[in-house]
């Protein structure tokens, strides 16, 4: 019987506990042949708060863990009775993920390991003050946002003309 991916529902905030427990089950060798791997898809997110970059890890699927396993009474029992698990998605008869779902999820986790997603602390139209660089102390309005670069385009008034200036998230503060 070939191993397939199943979705396990956990109590809120217990994903890491379930992930670690199932990793131990695999490493102990008891069901290591039948339970192939456990996945808790996450991504690194960079937020700017109070002018400082904070890197946090965010879960793609809060309250869920993915398990690649062969479906048997032993594997279902081991997973279902792991601390923090509420059950399988699909109820009493766990339903495997379809091939395209697995490819999409695995592709998403590979992509997220290569890139960080920046959480944008500004919206287009927000009034901001530039606090560093050649336009220090200029007030402006956010015109465009570039989350992948961690920058925004701010329209500032230079000699009475609106001029676009590209500025790092950390070099501006919102004007309330």
Protein backbone atom coordinates (compact mmCIF):
# COMPACT_ATOMS: atom_id res chain seq x y z
CA UNK A 1 0.00 0.00 0.00
CA UNK A 2 1.42 3.39 -1.01
CA UNK A 3 1.74 6.23 1.45
CA UNK A 4 -0.60 9.18 0.95
CA UNK A 5 -0.92 12.58 2.57
CA UNK A 6 -3.60 13.10 5.23
CA UNK A 7 -4.64 16.23 7.10
CA UNK A 8 -4.73 16.02 10.88
CA UNK A 9 -6.75 18.58 12.86
CA UNK A 10 -5.15 19.80 16.10
CA UNK A 11 -6.21 21.96 18.99
CA UNK A 12 -5.40 25.61 18.37
CA UNK A 13 -1.75 26.33 19.08
CA UNK A 14 -0.87 22.62 19.42
CA UNK A 15 0.54 22.13 15.90
CA UNK A 16 4.18 22.10 17.04
CA UNK A 17 3.42 19.66 19.85
CA UNK A 18 1.69 17.26 17.44
CA UNK A 19 4.45 17.70 14.84
CA UNK A 20 7.19 16.92 17.39
CA UNK A 21 5.30 13.92 18.80
CA UNK A 22 4.78 12.40 15.35
CA UNK A 23 8.46 13.03 14.50
CA UNK A 24 9.36 11.03 17.63
CA UNK A 25 7.02 8.22 16.53
CA UNK A 26 8.81 8.11 13.16
CA UNK A 27 12.28 8.18 14.77
CA UNK A 28 11.40 5.51 17.34
CA UNK A 29 10.99 3.10 14.44
CA UNK A 30 7.72 1.61 15.68
CA UNK A 31 5.73 2.94 12.74
CA UNK A 32 8.59 4.62 10.89
CA UNK A 33 8.01 2.42 7.87
CA UNK A 34 4.32 3.32 7.68
CA UNK A 35 4.44 6.98 8.73
CA UNK A 36 6.83 8.56 6.24
CA UNK A 37 6.88 12.24 7.19
CA UNK A 38 5.07 15.02 9.00
CA UNK A 39 4.73 18.55 7.68
CA UNK A 40 3.68 21.77 9.38
CA UNK A 41 3.84 24.31 6.53
CA UNK A 42 5.16 27.68 7.72
CA UNK A 43 6.56 30.86 6.23
CA UNK A 44 8.81 33.59 7.59
CA UNK A 45 7.15 36.98 7.78
CA UNK A 46 9.03 40.24 8.31
CA UNK A 47 7.02 42.95 10.03
CA UNK A 48 8.08 46.51 10.72
CA UNK A 49 6.94 47.77 14.11
CA UNK A 50 8.18 50.96 15.71
CA UNK A 51 10.86 51.24 13.03
CA UNK A 52 12.33 47.79 13.76
CA UNK A 53 12.15 44.68 11.62
CA UNK A 54 10.69 41.69 13.43
CA UNK A 55 10.93 38.25 11.87
CA UNK A 56 8.17 35.84 12.83
CA UNK A 57 7.08 32.44 11.58
CA UNK A 58 3.48 32.10 10.50
CA UNK A 59 1.65 28.83 9.84
CA UNK A 60 0.00 28.34 6.43
CA UNK A 61 -2.69 26.14 7.96
CA UNK A 62 -3.26 26.98 11.63
CA UNK A 63 -4.63 24.00 13.60
CA UNK A 64 -3.57 21.49 10.93
CA UNK A 65 -0.61 19.18 10.37
CA UNK A 66 0.00 17.06 7.26
CA UNK A 67 1.09 13.44 7.59
CA UNK A 68 2.35 11.17 4.82
CA UNK A 69 1.51 7.61 5.83
CA UNK A 70 0.09 4.28 4.83
CA UNK A 71 -3.47 4.02 6.10
CA UNK A 72 -3.78 1.20 8.62
CA UNK A 73 -5.39 0.69 12.03
CA UNK A 74 -1.99 1.18 13.70
CA UNK A 75 -1.13 4.45 11.95
CA UNK A 76 -4.62 5.90 12.43
CA UNK A 77 -4.52 4.94 16.11
CA UNK A 78 -1.02 6.42 16.60
CA UNK A 79 -1.94 9.72 14.95
CA UNK A 80 -5.41 10.04 16.45
CA UNK A 81 -4.07 9.39 19.98
CA UNK A 82 -1.20 11.87 19.73
CA UNK A 83 -1.45 14.65 22.35
CA UNK A 84 -3.17 17.71 20.84
CA UNK A 85 -4.90 15.88 17.96
CA UNK A 86 -8.67 16.23 17.57
CA UNK A 87 -8.88 13.88 14.56
CA UNK A 88 -8.43 13.53 10.84
CA UNK A 89 -10.08 15.72 8.26
CA UNK A 90 -12.64 13.35 6.81
CA UNK A 91 -13.89 12.09 10.15
CA UNK A 92 -13.86 8.38 11.01
CA UNK A 93 -12.48 7.42 7.60
CA UNK A 94 -9.50 9.72 6.89
CA UNK A 95 -9.53 11.08 3.34
CA UNK A 96 -6.19 11.48 1.55
CA UNK A 97 -5.32 14.73 -0.19
CA UNK A 98 -5.52 14.73 -3.98
CA UNK A 99 -2.27 14.82 -5.92
CA UNK A 100 -2.72 18.41 -7.11
CA UNK A 101 -3.43 19.57 -3.53
CA UNK A 102 -0.22 17.95 -2.30
CA UNK A 103 1.82 19.48 -5.14
CA UNK A 104 0.36 22.91 -4.44
CA UNK A 105 1.04 22.70 -0.70
CA UNK A 106 4.56 21.29 -1.11
CA UNK A 107 5.31 23.87 -3.80
CA UNK A 108 4.10 26.61 -1.48
CA UNK A 109 6.38 25.47 1.36
CA UNK A 110 9.41 25.23 -0.96
CA UNK A 111 8.69 28.71 -2.31
CA UNK A 112 8.25 30.16 1.19
CA UNK A 113 11.56 28.72 2.34
CA UNK A 114 13.24 30.73 -0.43
CA UNK A 115 11.43 33.99 0.17
CA UNK A 116 10.21 35.99 3.09
CA UNK A 117 6.90 37.74 3.00
CA UNK A 118 6.87 41.25 4.37
CA UNK A 119 3.83 42.40 6.20
CA UNK A 120 3.20 45.92 4.99
CA UNK A 121 2.65 48.40 7.82
CA UNK A 122 1.25 51.02 5.41
CA UNK A 123 -1.56 51.40 2.92
CA UNK A 124 -1.73 53.52 -0.22
CA UNK A 125 -2.87 57.01 0.76
CA UNK A 126 -1.36 56.93 4.29
CA UNK A 127 0.39 60.12 5.42
CA UNK A 128 3.99 59.46 6.48
CA UNK A 129 7.09 61.34 7.63
CA UNK A 130 10.50 60.33 6.28
CA UNK A 131 12.94 60.01 9.17
CA UNK A 132 16.21 59.11 7.36
CA UNK A 133 18.05 59.82 4.14
CA UNK A 134 18.18 62.86 1.86
CA UNK A 135 14.46 63.57 2.34
CA UNK A 136 14.61 63.44 6.15
CA UNK A 137 11.72 65.32 7.84
CA UNK A 138 9.70 65.51 4.60
CA UNK A 139 6.02 64.62 4.88
CA UNK A 140 4.37 62.68 2.09
CA UNK A 141 1.68 60.26 1.03
CA UNK A 142 2.20 56.55 0.24
CA UNK A 143 1.71 56.12 -3.52
CA UNK A 144 2.91 52.56 -4.15
CA UNK A 145 3.99 49.59 -2.02
CA UNK A 146 6.72 47.06 -2.85
CA UNK A 147 6.45 44.36 -0.14
CA UNK A 148 9.03 42.08 -1.82
CA UNK A 149 11.63 44.88 -1.54
CA UNK A 150 10.45 46.22 1.82
CA UNK A 151 10.00 49.67 0.26
CA UNK A 152 7.26 52.17 -0.51
CA UNK A 153 6.99 55.04 -2.98
CA UNK A 154 6.13 58.27 -1.18
CA UNK A 155 5.00 61.40 -2.98
CA UNK A 156 6.68 64.41 -1.35
CA UNK A 157 6.48 68.09 -2.24
CA UNK A 158 9.85 69.39 -3.48
CA UNK A 159 9.83 73.06 -4.57
CA UNK A 160 6.04 72.91 -4.85
CA UNK A 161 6.03 69.84 -7.14
CA UNK A 162 4.98 66.30 -6.19
CA UNK A 163 8.05 64.07 -6.45
CA UNK A 164 8.10 60.27 -6.01
CA UNK A 165 10.68 58.98 -3.51
CA UNK A 166 11.35 55.28 -2.88
CA UNK A 167 11.93 54.69 0.84
CA UNK A 168 12.54 51.64 3.03
CA UNK A 169 9.65 50.74 5.42
CA UNK A 170 11.97 51.40 8.36
CA UNK A 171 12.77 54.95 7.24
CA UNK A 172 9.23 56.30 7.57
CA UNK A 173 6.72 56.72 10.35
CA UNK A 174 2.99 57.18 10.02
CA UNK A 175 1.53 60.59 10.73
CA UNK A 176 -1.58 60.31 12.82
